[in-house]
Amino acid sequence: MKATGIVRRIDDLGRVVVPKEIRRTLRLREGTPLEIFTDREGEIILKKYSPMMELNAFAGQYADAMAQSTGLMVCITDRDQVVAAAGGAKKDFFQKPISRALEHVIQAYPEDILHIPDTIVVVALDGRYAGYLLLADEPKPDASRAVAALHGLGIRNLCILSGDKSALVGKLAGQLGISRYFGDLMPEDKVRHIEEFQTEEHARVAFVGDGLNDAPVLAASKVGIAMGGLGSDVAIEAADIILQTDQPSKIAEAIRIGRRTRAVVWQNIIGALGVKLLVLVLGAFGAATLWEAVFADVGVALLAILNAVRLLSDKKD
């Protein structure tokens, strides 16, 4: 980390002015999102946020495939830096700022591609715009089944919160039969929506996520559900429930089992208290013997265990 020797004070609104020279060097424009990091030594680090960084694995695979098929050095960038490189010395390009010439190429691509809902990777050859690639997330195979199962449980207030383009999120919501959706969201925007949902009467919000940026939302929701296979470590740590198979349909199954378990618990509590109260009343009138007292203790415990064992044989409808 390079020291600049520049010192700035925090104003009464908690704001800090980034010097003009640094903004120009790092291409920080008005409205540029920044991520905030802290370390154990008390340092605060600001880093430009890029949605493409969440696609690093996919971008790396695309770069490797293109490099192998073309035999050329391939770099995939966002508007500011290289997010994936293949076919050459990766360390010379990865996470390095793009050149001014490439920045002009990015700014010169046709405006009509801005209306395409899918994520776009612009391709340039020899400093000239050559086309673009579409990166589109397909719904999980059982996503529609998961939504239908939740509707079957009476849970119809479903909503999608995503950092992807609103048009892309709307397309996905239409495929899944979900009427409410919000796109182009930063992590703090997702948290704000969750907090708004939780202010509604009788609202108990469960949030499902797997990305690093979902961790604050998982922590803020009443119940956080993370994907155990594809989910980031931070998201898994912040979640209350982990889906090891990464199948959204397991959410409805978990709710069904939870409801069934709660019903059995209440059955055992009411049954045990009822029997004990009955024996207590009979004992007060001299109508209960030692055997009734033993049944009220040991017998009720055995009945409660047998009632709970039914959960093990409970099969999904």
C-alpha atoms as a PDB file:
ATOM      1  CA  MET A   1       0.000   0.000   0.000  1.00  0.00           C
ATOM      2  CA  LYS A   2       1.460   3.328  -1.129  1.00  0.00           C
ATOM      3  CA  ALA A   3       1.376   6.312   1.252  1.00  0.00           C
ATOM      4  CA  THR A   4       0.316   9.640  -0.288  1.00  0.00           C
ATOM      5  CA  GLY A   5       1.102  11.922   2.639  1.00  0.00           C
ATOM      6  CA  ILE A   6      -2.347  13.495   2.275  1.00  0.00           C
ATOM      7  CA  VAL A   7      -4.455  13.953   5.424  1.00  0.00           C
ATOM      8  CA  ARG A   8      -8.170  14.679   5.377  1.00  0.00           C
ATOM      9  CA  ARG A   9     -10.597  15.323   8.230  1.00  0.00           C
ATOM     10  CA  ILE A  10     -14.058  13.789   8.582  1.00  0.00           C
ATOM     11  CA  ASP A  11     -16.802  16.423   8.593  1.00  0.00           C
ATOM     12  CA  ASP A  12     -19.882  16.423  10.841  1.00  0.00           C
ATOM     13  CA  LEU A  13     -21.760  14.237   8.327  1.00  0.00           C
ATOM     14  CA  GLY A  14     -19.034  11.581   8.287  1.00  0.00           C
ATOM     15  CA  ARG A  15     -17.781  12.546   4.817  1.00  0.00           C
ATOM     16  CA  VAL A  16     -14.197  12.551   3.579  1.00  0.00           C
ATOM     17  CA  VAL A  17     -13.075  14.377   0.439  1.00  0.00           C
ATOM     18  CA  VAL A  18     -10.881  12.309  -1.877  1.00  0.00           C
ATOM     19  CA  PRO A  19      -8.245  14.619  -3.440  1.00  0.00           C
ATOM     20  CA  LYS A  20      -8.765  15.545  -7.076  1.00  0.00           C
ATOM     21  CA  GLU A  21      -5.380  14.121  -8.092  1.00  0.00           C
ATOM     22  CA  ILE A  22      -6.268  10.692  -6.684  1.00  0.00           C
ATOM     23  CA  ARG A  23      -9.724  10.779  -8.292  1.00  0.00           C
ATOM     24  CA  ARG A  24      -8.158  11.565 -11.660  1.00  0.00           C
ATOM     25  CA  THR A  25      -5.479   8.857 -11.324  1.00  0.00           C
ATOM     26  CA  LEU A  26      -7.913   6.155 -10.220  1.00  0.00           C
ATOM     27  CA  ARG A  27     -10.701   7.332 -12.553  1.00  0.00           C
ATOM     28  CA  LEU A  28     -13.095   7.993  -9.690  1.00  0.00           C
ATOM     29  CA  ARG A  29     -16.129   9.744 -11.113  1.00  0.00           C
ATOM     30  CA  GLU A  30     -19.144  11.169  -9.356  1.00  0.00           C
ATOM     31  CA  GLY A  31     -21.336   8.270  -8.268  1.00  0.00           C
ATOM     32  CA  THR A  32     -18.527   5.689  -8.445  1.00  0.00           C
ATOM     33  CA  PRO A  33     -19.341   3.005  -5.827  1.00  0.00           C
ATOM     34  CA  LEU A  34     -16.605   2.223  -3.310  1.00  0.00           C
ATOM     35  CA  GLU A  35     -16.200  -0.792  -1.028  1.00  0.00           C
ATOM     36  CA  ILE A  36     -14.932  -0.196   2.501  1.00  0.00           C
ATOM     37  CA  PHE A  37     -12.494  -2.635   4.121  1.00  0.00           C
ATOM     38  CA  THR A  38     -10.863  -2.596   7.559  1.00  0.00           C
ATOM     39  CA  ASP A  39      -7.985  -4.597   8.974  1.00  0.00           C
ATOM     40  CA  ARG A  40      -6.833  -5.549  12.451  1.00  0.00           C
ATOM     41  CA  GLU A  41      -4.413  -2.650  12.565  1.00  0.00           C
ATOM     42  CA  GLY A  42      -7.250  -0.147  12.343  1.00  0.00           C
ATOM     43  CA  GLU A  43      -6.663   0.824   8.722  1.00  0.00           C
ATOM     44  CA  ILE A  44      -9.594   1.748   6.481  1.00  0.00           C
ATOM     45  CA  ILE A  45      -9.235   0.822   2.808  1.00  0.00           C
ATOM     46  CA  LEU A  46     -11.473   2.137   0.032  1.00  0.00           C
ATOM     47  CA  LYS A  47     -11.672   0.053  -3.130  1.00  0.00           C
ATOM     48  CA  LYS A  48     -13.662   0.645  -6.288  1.00  0.00           C
ATOM     49  CA  TYR A  49     -16.599  -1.734  -6.440  1.00  0.00           C
ATOM     50  CA  SER A  50     -17.046  -3.671  -9.653  1.00  0.00           C
ATOM     51  CA  PRO A  51     -19.934  -6.089 -10.337  1.00  0.00           C
ATOM     52  CA  MET A  52     -17.573  -7.969 -12.647  1.00  0.00           C
ATOM     53  CA  MET A  53     -15.467  -8.985  -9.659  1.00  0.00           C
ATOM     54  CA  GLU A  54     -18.304 -11.290  -8.628  1.00  0.00           C
ATOM     55  CA  LEU A  55     -17.959 -12.994 -12.030  1.00  0.00           C
ATOM     56  CA  ASN A  56     -14.221 -13.596 -11.727  1.00  0.00           C
ATOM     57  CA  ALA A  57     -14.554 -17.374 -11.949  1.00  0.00           C
ATOM     58  CA  PHE A  58     -16.730 -17.174 -15.075  1.00  0.00           C
ATOM     59  CA  ALA A  59     -14.579 -14.423 -16.593  1.00  0.00           C
ATOM     60  CA  GLY A  60     -11.479 -16.538 -15.998  1.00  0.00           C
ATOM     61  CA  GLN A  61     -13.069 -19.517 -17.751  1.00  0.00           C
ATOM     62  CA  TYR A  62     -14.080 -17.372 -20.725  1.00  0.00           C
ATOM     63  CA  ALA A  63     -10.595 -15.880 -20.940  1.00  0.00           C
ATOM     64  CA  ASP A  64      -8.944 -19.338 -20.842  1.00  0.00           C
ATOM     65  CA  ALA A  65     -11.310 -20.706 -23.499  1.00  0.00           C
ATOM     66  CA  MET A  66     -10.785 -17.729 -25.812  1.00  0.00           C
ATOM     67  CA  ALA A  67      -7.007 -17.834 -25.368  1.00  0.00           C
ATOM     68  CA  GLN A  68      -6.899 -21.532 -26.225  1.00  0.00           C
ATOM     69  CA  SER A  69      -9.104 -21.154 -29.302  1.00  0.00           C
ATOM     70  CA  THR A  70      -7.430 -18.015 -30.687  1.00  0.00           C
ATOM     71  CA  GLY A  71      -3.865 -18.488 -29.498  1.00  0.00           C
ATOM     72  CA  LEU A  72      -3.856 -14.840 -28.387  1.00  0.00           C
ATOM     73  CA  MET A  73      -3.454 -13.029 -25.101  1.00  0.00           C
ATOM     74  CA  VAL A  74      -6.973 -12.368 -23.751  1.00  0.00           C
ATOM     75  CA  CYS A  75      -7.926  -9.820 -21.108  1.00  0.00           C
ATOM     76  CA  ILE A  76     -11.440  -9.217 -19.770  1.00  0.00           C
ATOM     77  CA  THR A  77     -12.017  -5.862 -18.125  1.00  0.00           C
ATOM     78  CA  ASP A  78     -14.693  -3.733 -16.581  1.00  0.00           C
ATOM     79  CA  ARG A  79     -14.592   0.026 -17.100  1.00  0.00           C
ATOM     80  CA  ASP A  80     -11.527   0.449 -14.900  1.00  0.00           C
ATOM     81  CA  GLN A  81      -9.310  -2.618 -14.623  1.00  0.00           C
ATOM     82  CA  VAL A  82      -8.518  -6.110 -15.888  1.00  0.00           C
ATOM     83  CA  VAL A  83     -10.620  -8.714 -14.042  1.00  0.00           C
ATOM     84  CA  ALA A  84      -9.354 -11.820 -15.900  1.00  0.00           C
ATOM     85  CA  ALA A  85      -6.389 -12.649 -18.128  1.00  0.00           C
ATOM     86  CA  ALA A  86      -5.171 -15.735 -20.013  1.00  0.00           C
ATOM     87  CA  GLY A  87      -2.727 -16.725 -22.714  1.00  0.00           C
ATOM     88  CA  GLY A  88       0.281 -14.883 -21.336  1.00  0.00           C
ATOM     89  CA  ALA A  89       1.798 -13.420 -18.201  1.00  0.00           C
ATOM     90  CA  LYS A  90      -1.362 -12.954 -16.136  1.00  0.00           C
ATOM     91  CA  LYS A  91       0.394 -11.064 -13.351  1.00  0.00           C
ATOM     92  CA  ASP A  92       1.386  -8.342 -15.818  1.00  0.00           C
ATOM     93  CA  PHE A  93      -2.275  -7.580 -16.564  1.00  0.00           C
ATOM     94  CA  PHE A  94      -4.565  -8.908 -13.815  1.00  0.00           C
ATOM     95  CA  GLN A  95      -6.159  -6.104 -11.744  1.00  0.00           C
ATOM     96  CA  LYS A  96      -4.104  -3.511 -13.627  1.00  0.00           C
ATOM     97  CA  PRO A  97      -5.843  -0.282 -14.779  1.00  0.00           C
ATOM     98  CA  ILE A  98      -6.948  -0.230 -18.400  1.00  0.00           C
ATOM     99  CA  SER A  99      -5.218   2.064 -20.843  1.00  0.00           C
ATOM    100  CA  ARG A 100      -6.647   5.358 -22.036  1.00  0.00           C
ATOM    101  CA  ALA A 101      -6.971   3.903 -25.522  1.00  0.00           C
ATOM    102  CA  LEU A 102      -9.072   1.000 -24.254  1.00  0.00           C
ATOM    103  CA  GLU A 103     -11.162   3.385 -22.196  1.00  0.00           C
ATOM    104  CA  HIS A 104     -11.977   5.279 -25.395  1.00  0.00           C
ATOM    105  CA  VAL A 105     -12.896   1.974 -27.085  1.00  0.00           C
ATOM    106  CA  ILE A 106     -15.295   1.114 -24.247  1.00  0.00           C
ATOM    107  CA  GLN A 107     -16.897   4.526 -24.514  1.00  0.00           C
ATOM    108  CA  ALA A 108     -17.255   4.107 -28.286  1.00  0.00           C
ATOM    109  CA  TYR A 109     -19.280   0.904 -28.363  1.00  0.00           C
ATOM    110  CA  PRO A 110     -22.783   1.121 -29.908  1.00  0.00           C
ATOM    111  CA  GLU A 111     -25.439   2.545 -27.608  1.00  0.00           C
ATOM    112  CA  ASP A 112     -27.995  -0.083 -28.614  1.00  0.00           C
ATOM    113  CA  ILE A 113     -26.201  -2.753 -26.569  1.00  0.00           C
ATOM    114  CA  LEU A 114     -27.002  -0.756 -23.443  1.00  0.00           C
ATOM    115  CA  HIS A 115     -30.598  -1.906 -23.820  1.00  0.00           C
ATOM    116  CA  ILE A 116     -29.661  -5.598 -23.756  1.00  0.00           C
ATOM    117  CA  PRO A 117     -30.750  -6.976 -20.358  1.00  0.00           C
ATOM    118  CA  ASP A 118     -27.972  -9.578 -20.059  1.00  0.00           C
ATOM    119  CA  THR A 119     -24.503  -8.834 -18.696  1.00  0.00           C
ATOM    120  CA  ILE A 120     -22.263  -7.693 -21.570  1.00  0.00           C
ATOM    121  CA  VAL A 121     -18.531  -8.212 -22.074  1.00  0.00           C
ATOM    122  CA  VAL A 122     -17.232  -5.892 -24.803  1.00  0.00           C
ATOM    123  CA  VAL A 123     -14.526  -7.368 -27.069  1.00  0.00           C
ATOM    124  CA  ALA A 124     -11.867  -5.282 -28.807  1.00  0.00           C
ATOM    125  CA  LEU A 125      -9.205  -6.414 -31.305  1.00  0.00           C
ATOM    126  CA  ASP A 126      -6.212  -4.215 -32.030  1.00  0.00           C
ATOM    127  CA  GLY A 127      -7.814  -1.340 -30.161  1.00  0.00           C
ATOM    128  CA  ARG A 128     -11.069  -1.454 -32.150  1.00  0.00           C
ATOM    129  CA  TYR A 129     -14.529  -2.535 -31.088  1.00  0.00           C
ATOM    130  CA  ALA A 130     -15.184  -6.075 -32.393  1.00  0.00           C
ATOM    131  CA  GLY A 131     -18.362  -7.185 -30.645  1.00  0.00           C
ATOM    132  CA  TYR A 132     -19.600  -8.396 -27.298  1.00  0.00           C
ATOM    133  CA  LEU A 133     -20.319 -11.520 -25.299  1.00  0.00           C
ATOM    134  CA  LEU A 134     -23.463 -12.124 -23.273  1.00  0.00           C
ATOM    135  CA  LEU A 135     -23.141 -13.545 -19.769  1.00  0.00           C
ATOM    136  CA  ALA A 136     -26.581 -14.683 -18.614  1.00  0.00           C
ATOM    137  CA  ASP A 137     -27.460 -16.547 -15.432  1.00  0.00           C
ATOM    138  CA  GLU A 138     -29.914 -19.361 -15.982  1.00  0.00           C
ATOM    139  CA  PRO A 139     -32.335 -20.240 -13.172  1.00  0.00           C
ATOM    140  CA  LYS A 140     -31.416 -23.354 -11.234  1.00  0.00           C
ATOM    141  CA  PRO A 141     -33.188 -26.459 -12.582  1.00  0.00           C
ATOM    142  CA  ASP A 142     -35.500 -26.665  -9.568  1.00  0.00           C
ATOM    143  CA  ALA A 143     -36.042 -22.905  -9.082  1.00  0.00           C
ATOM    144  CA  SER A 144     -39.565 -22.964 -10.545  1.00  0.00           C
ATOM    145  CA  ARG A 145     -40.383 -25.999  -8.445  1.00  0.00           C
ATOM    146  CA  ALA A 146     -39.092 -24.174  -5.361  1.00  0.00           C
ATOM    147  CA  VAL A 147     -41.354 -21.176  -6.028  1.00  0.00           C
ATOM    148  CA  ALA A 148     -44.359 -23.451  -6.592  1.00  0.00           C
ATOM    149  CA  ALA A 149     -43.611 -25.326  -3.362  1.00  0.00           C
ATOM    150  CA  LEU A 150     -43.429 -22.068  -1.387  1.00  0.00           C
ATOM    151  CA  HIS A 151     -46.747 -20.979  -2.867  1.00  0.00           C
ATOM    152  CA  GLY A 152     -48.175 -24.341  -1.818  1.00  0.00           C
ATOM    153  CA  LEU A 153     -47.129 -23.586   1.773  1.00  0.00           C
ATOM    154  CA  GLY A 154     -49.023 -20.295   1.659  1.00  0.00           C
ATOM    155  CA  ILE A 155     -45.888 -18.174   1.187  1.00  0.00           C
ATOM    156  CA  ARG A 156     -46.761 -15.895  -1.705  1.00  0.00           C
ATOM    157  CA  ASN A 157     -44.948 -12.681  -0.785  1.00  0.00           C
ATOM    158  CA  LEU A 158     -41.751 -13.432  -2.701  1.00  0.00           C
ATOM    159  CA  CYS A 159     -39.291 -10.821  -3.945  1.00  0.00           C
ATOM    160  CA  ILE A 160     -35.971 -10.821  -5.822  1.00  0.00           C
ATOM    161  CA  LEU A 161     -33.208  -8.440  -4.697  1.00  0.00           C
ATOM    162  CA  SER A 162     -30.264  -8.383  -7.102  1.00  0.00           C
ATOM    163  CA  GLY A 163     -27.317  -6.299  -8.162  1.00  0.00           C
ATOM    164  CA  ASP A 164     -27.900  -7.264 -11.798  1.00  0.00           C
ATOM    165  CA  LYS A 165     -29.666  -5.024 -14.287  1.00  0.00           C
ATOM    166  CA  SER A 166     -33.324  -4.419 -13.545  1.00  0.00           C
ATOM    167  CA  ALA A 167     -34.294  -5.672 -17.007  1.00  0.00           C
ATOM    168  CA  LEU A 168     -32.407  -8.935 -16.430  1.00  0.00           C
ATOM    169  CA  VAL A 169     -33.932  -9.364 -12.977  1.00  0.00           C
ATOM    170  CA  GLY A 170     -37.397  -8.696 -14.397  1.00  0.00           C
ATOM    171  CA  LYS A 171     -36.856 -11.339 -17.058  1.00  0.00           C
ATOM    172  CA  LEU A 172     -35.831 -13.884 -14.413  1.00  0.00           C
ATOM    173  CA  ALA A 173     -38.762 -12.940 -12.172  1.00  0.00           C
ATOM    174  CA  GLY A 174     -41.158 -13.476 -15.069  1.00  0.00           C
ATOM    175  CA  GLN A 175     -39.735 -16.944 -15.708  1.00  0.00           C
ATOM    176  CA  LEU A 176     -40.220 -17.894 -12.058  1.00  0.00           C
ATOM    177  CA  GLY A 177     -43.630 -16.293 -11.597  1.00  0.00           C
ATOM    178  CA  ILE A 178     -42.456 -13.714  -9.040  1.00  0.00           C
ATOM    179  CA  SER A 179     -44.160 -10.333  -9.298  1.00  0.00           C
ATOM    180  CA  ARG A 180     -41.887  -8.225  -7.064  1.00  0.00           C
ATOM    181  CA  TYR A 181     -38.264  -7.600  -7.936  1.00  0.00           C
ATOM    182  CA  PHE A 182     -35.579  -4.939  -7.564  1.00  0.00           C
ATOM    183  CA  GLY A 183     -32.410  -4.701  -9.653  1.00  0.00           C
ATOM    184  CA  ASP A 184     -29.282  -2.524  -9.829  1.00  0.00           C
ATOM    185  CA  LEU A 185     -28.928  -2.808  -6.046  1.00  0.00           C
ATOM    186  CA  MET A 186     -25.809  -2.260  -4.001  1.00  0.00           C
ATOM    187  CA  PRO A 187     -25.397  -4.370  -0.820  1.00  0.00           C
ATOM    188  CA  GLU A 188     -26.623  -1.489   1.342  1.00  0.00           C
ATOM    189  CA  ASP A 189     -29.686  -1.147  -0.892  1.00  0.00           C
ATOM    190  CA  LYS A 190     -30.555  -4.793  -0.245  1.00  0.00           C
ATOM    191  CA  VAL A 191     -30.218  -4.238   3.499  1.00  0.00           C
ATOM    192  CA  ARG A 192     -32.499  -1.203   3.258  1.00  0.00           C
ATOM    193  CA  HIS A 193     -35.164  -3.232   1.450  1.00  0.00           C
ATOM    194  CA  ILE A 194     -34.935  -6.016   4.044  1.00  0.00           C
ATOM    195  CA  GLU A 195     -35.342  -3.490   6.863  1.00  0.00           C
ATOM    196  CA  GLU A 196     -38.373  -2.008   5.106  1.00  0.00           C
ATOM    197  CA  PHE A 197     -39.931  -5.457   4.676  1.00  0.00           C
ATOM    198  CA  GLN A 198     -39.417  -6.226   8.355  1.00  0.00           C
ATOM    199  CA  THR A 199     -41.318  -3.105   9.420  1.00  0.00           C
ATOM    200  CA  GLU A 200     -44.485  -4.539   7.868  1.00  0.00           C
ATOM    201  CA  GLU A 201     -46.981  -6.054  10.287  1.00  0.00           C
ATOM    202  CA  HIS A 202     -46.400  -9.746  11.101  1.00  0.00           C
ATOM    203  CA  ALA A 203     -43.436  -9.776   8.712  1.00  0.00           C
ATOM    204  CA  ARG A 204     -40.761 -12.427   9.203  1.00  0.00           C
ATOM    205  CA  VAL A 205     -38.273 -12.073   6.383  1.00  0.00           C
ATOM    206  CA  ALA A 206     -36.048 -14.896   5.139  1.00  0.00           C
ATOM    207  CA  PHE A 207     -33.294 -14.030   2.652  1.00  0.00           C
ATOM    208  CA  VAL A 208     -31.498 -16.516   0.403  1.00  0.00           C
ATOM    209  CA  GLY A 209     -28.049 -15.598  -0.928  1.00  0.00           C
ATOM    210  CA  ASP A 210     -24.655 -17.010  -1.777  1.00  0.00           C
ATOM    211  CA  GLY A 211     -22.358 -14.103  -2.646  1.00  0.00           C
ATOM    212  CA  LEU A 212     -19.891 -12.132  -0.582  1.00  0.00           C
ATOM    213  CA  ASN A 213     -22.082  -9.035  -0.862  1.00  0.00           C
ATOM    214  CA  ASP A 214     -25.070 -10.983   0.488  1.00  0.00           C
ATOM    215  CA  ALA A 215     -23.486 -11.403   3.922  1.00  0.00           C
ATOM    216  CA  PRO A 216     -24.831  -8.106   5.387  1.00  0.00           C
ATOM    217  CA  VAL A 217     -28.317  -8.919   4.075  1.00  0.00           C
ATOM    218  CA  LEU A 218     -28.204 -12.449   5.502  1.00  0.00           C
ATOM    219  CA  ALA A 219     -27.266 -11.007   8.876  1.00  0.00           C
ATOM    220  CA  ALA A 220     -29.984  -8.329   8.744  1.00  0.00           C
ATOM    221  CA  SER A 221     -32.844 -10.702   7.852  1.00  0.00           C
ATOM    222  CA  LYS A 222     -34.855 -12.692  10.387  1.00  0.00           C
ATOM    223  CA  VAL A 223     -33.638 -15.937   8.820  1.00  0.00           C
ATOM    224  CA  GLY A 224     -30.574 -16.063   6.573  1.00  0.00           C
ATOM    225  CA  ILE A 225     -30.245 -18.978   4.145  1.00  0.00           C
ATOM    226  CA  ALA A 226     -26.977 -19.569   2.260  1.00  0.00           C
ATOM    227  CA  MET A 227     -25.884 -22.053  -0.379  1.00  0.00           C
ATOM    228  CA  GLY A 228     -23.287 -24.410   1.100  1.00  0.00           C
ATOM    229  CA  GLY A 229     -21.680 -25.491  -2.162  1.00  0.00           C
ATOM    230  CA  LEU A 230     -21.407 -22.297  -4.199  1.00  0.00           C
ATOM    231  CA  GLY A 231     -21.782 -19.819  -1.340  1.00  0.00           C
ATOM    232  CA  SER A 232     -18.866 -17.705  -0.127  1.00  0.00           C
ATOM    233  CA  ASP A 233     -17.389 -18.393   3.316  1.00  0.00           C
ATOM    234  CA  VAL A 234     -18.546 -15.004   4.604  1.00  0.00           C
ATOM    235  CA  ALA A 235     -22.130 -15.650   3.457  1.00  0.00           C
ATOM    236  CA  ILE A 236     -22.126 -19.088   5.082  1.00  0.00           C
ATOM    237  CA  GLU A 237     -20.893 -17.662   8.380  1.00  0.00           C
ATOM    238  CA  ALA A 238     -23.602 -14.978   8.372  1.00  0.00           C
ATOM    239  CA  ALA A 239     -26.440 -17.395   7.548  1.00  0.00           C
ATOM    240  CA  ASP A 240     -28.708 -19.282   9.952  1.00  0.00           C
ATOM    241  CA  ILE A 241     -29.423 -22.152   7.552  1.00  0.00           C
ATOM    242  CA  ILE A 242     -27.037 -23.770   5.047  1.00  0.00           C
ATOM    243  CA  LEU A 243     -28.330 -25.669   1.993  1.00  0.00           C
ATOM    244  CA  GLN A 244     -25.590 -28.212   1.351  1.00  0.00           C
ATOM    245  CA  THR A 245     -27.055 -29.301  -1.999  1.00  0.00           C
ATOM    246  CA  ASP A 246     -27.598 -25.738  -3.328  1.00  0.00           C
ATOM    247  CA  GLN A 247     -31.179 -26.693  -4.250  1.00  0.00           C
ATOM    248  CA  PRO A 248     -33.713 -23.879  -3.669  1.00  0.00           C
ATOM    249  CA  SER A 249     -36.501 -26.460  -3.408  1.00  0.00           C
ATOM    250  CA  LYS A 250     -34.991 -27.564  -0.094  1.00  0.00           C
ATOM    251  CA  ILE A 251     -36.167 -24.256   1.411  1.00  0.00           C
ATOM    252  CA  ALA A 252     -39.818 -25.321   1.190  1.00  0.00           C
ATOM    253  CA  GLU A 253     -38.914 -28.744   2.547  1.00  0.00           C
ATOM    254  CA  ALA A 254     -37.111 -27.155   5.515  1.00  0.00           C
ATOM    255  CA  ILE A 255     -40.147 -24.956   6.241  1.00  0.00           C
ATOM    256  CA  ARG A 256     -42.468 -27.951   6.030  1.00  0.00           C
ATOM    257  CA  ILE A 257     -40.295 -29.971   8.413  1.00  0.00           C
ATOM    258  CA  GLY A 258     -40.044 -26.990  10.764  1.00  0.00           C
ATOM    259  CA  ARG A 259     -43.813 -26.551  10.862  1.00  0.00           C
ATOM    260  CA  ARG A 260     -44.326 -30.264  11.423  1.00  0.00           C
ATOM    261  CA  THR A 261     -41.738 -30.277  14.208  1.00  0.00           C
ATOM    262  CA  ARG A 262     -43.367 -27.312  15.943  1.00  0.00           C
ATOM    263  CA  ALA A 263     -46.767 -29.036  15.754  1.00  0.00           C
ATOM    264  CA  VAL A 264     -45.349 -32.212  17.345  1.00  0.00           C
ATOM    265  CA  VAL A 265     -43.650 -30.166  20.073  1.00  0.00           C
ATOM    266  CA  TRP A 266     -46.920 -28.458  20.977  1.00  0.00           C
ATOM    267  CA  GLN A 267     -48.731 -31.817  20.913  1.00  0.00           C
ATOM    268  CA  ASN A 268     -46.209 -33.221  23.390  1.00  0.00           C
ATOM    269  CA  ILE A 269     -46.376 -30.180  25.652  1.00  0.00           C
ATOM    270  CA  ILE A 270     -50.174 -30.057  25.749  1.00  0.00           C
ATOM    271  CA  GLY A 271     -50.476 -33.836  26.131  1.00  0.00           C
ATOM    272  CA  ALA A 272     -47.927 -34.030  28.955  1.00  0.00           C
ATOM    273  CA  LEU A 273     -49.386 -31.105  30.878  1.00  0.00           C
ATOM    274  CA  GLY A 274     -52.930 -32.378  30.337  1.00  0.00           C
ATOM    275  CA  VAL A 275     -52.192 -35.875  31.654  1.00  0.00           C
ATOM    276  CA  LYS A 276     -50.213 -34.588  34.625  1.00  0.00           C
ATOM    277  CA  LEU A 277     -52.950 -32.099  35.505  1.00  0.00           C
ATOM    278  CA  LEU A 278     -55.598 -34.828  35.273  1.00  0.00           C
ATOM    279  CA  VAL A 279     -53.626 -37.186  37.549  1.00  0.00           C
ATOM    280  CA  LEU A 280     -52.983 -34.306  39.948  1.00  0.00           C
ATOM    281  CA  VAL A 281     -56.711 -33.579  40.223  1.00  0.00           C
ATOM    282  CA  LEU A 282     -57.537 -37.266  40.644  1.00  0.00           C
ATOM    283  CA  GLY A 283     -54.846 -37.572  43.307  1.00  0.00           C
ATOM    284  CA  ALA A 284     -56.287 -34.619  45.208  1.00  0.00           C
ATOM    285  CA  PHE A 285     -59.606 -36.516  45.456  1.00  0.00           C
ATOM    286  CA  GLY A 286     -57.902 -39.810  46.300  1.00  0.00           C
ATOM    287  CA  ALA A 287     -58.860 -41.429  42.994  1.00  0.00           C
ATOM    288  CA  ALA A 288     -55.315 -41.805  41.601  1.00  0.00           C
ATOM    289  CA  THR A 289     -53.042 -44.647  42.639  1.00  0.00           C
ATOM    290  CA  LEU A 290     -49.288 -45.068  42.354  1.00  0.00           C
ATOM    291  CA  TRP A 291     -49.635 -46.612  38.891  1.00  0.00           C
ATOM    292  CA  GLU A 292     -51.458 -43.552  37.551  1.00  0.00           C
ATOM    293  CA  ALA A 293     -48.647 -41.381  38.937  1.00  0.00           C
ATOM    294  CA  VAL A 294     -46.026 -43.598  37.237  1.00  0.00           C
ATOM    295  CA  PHE A 295     -47.949 -43.362  33.953  1.00  0.00           C
ATOM    296  CA  ALA A 296     -48.145 -39.554  34.280  1.00  0.00           C
ATOM    297  CA  ASP A 297     -44.359 -39.479  34.572  1.00  0.00           C
ATOM    298  CA  VAL A 298     -42.730 -42.321  32.637  1.00  0.00           C
ATOM    299  CA  GLY A 299     -45.697 -43.162  30.428  1.00  0.00           C
ATOM    300  CA  VAL A 300     -46.166 -39.601  29.194  1.00  0.00           C
ATOM    301  CA  ALA A 301     -42.437 -39.355  28.434  1.00  0.00           C
ATOM    302  CA  LEU A 302     -42.610 -42.547  26.343  1.00  0.00           C
ATOM    303  CA  LEU A 303     -45.688 -41.310  24.489  1.00  0.00           C
ATOM    304  CA  ALA A 304     -43.934 -38.010  23.741  1.00  0.00           C
ATOM    305  CA  ILE A 305     -40.915 -39.884  22.359  1.00  0.00           C
ATOM    306  CA  LEU A 306     -43.089 -42.125  20.186  1.00  0.00           C
ATOM    307  CA  ASN A 307     -44.964 -39.074  18.896  1.00  0.00           C
ATOM    308  CA  ALA A 308     -41.675 -37.364  18.026  1.00  0.00           C
ATOM    309  CA  VAL A 309     -40.393 -40.490  16.224  1.00  0.00           C
ATOM    310  CA  ARG A 310     -43.150 -39.956  13.661  1.00  0.00           C
ATOM    311  CA  LEU A 311     -41.055 -37.095  12.270  1.00  0.00           C
ATOM    312  CA  LEU A 312     -38.388 -39.565  11.152  1.00  0.00           C
ATOM    313  CA  SER A 313     -40.847 -41.385   8.918  1.00  0.00           C
ATOM    314  CA  ASP A 314     -42.515 -38.201   7.677  1.00  0.00           C
ATOM    315  CA  LYS A 315     -42.174 -38.179   3.882  1.00  0.00           C
ATOM    316  CA  LYS A 316     -42.492 -35.294   1.519  1.00  0.00           C
ATOM    317  CA  ASP A 317     -45.881 -35.162  -0.184  1.00  0.00           C
END
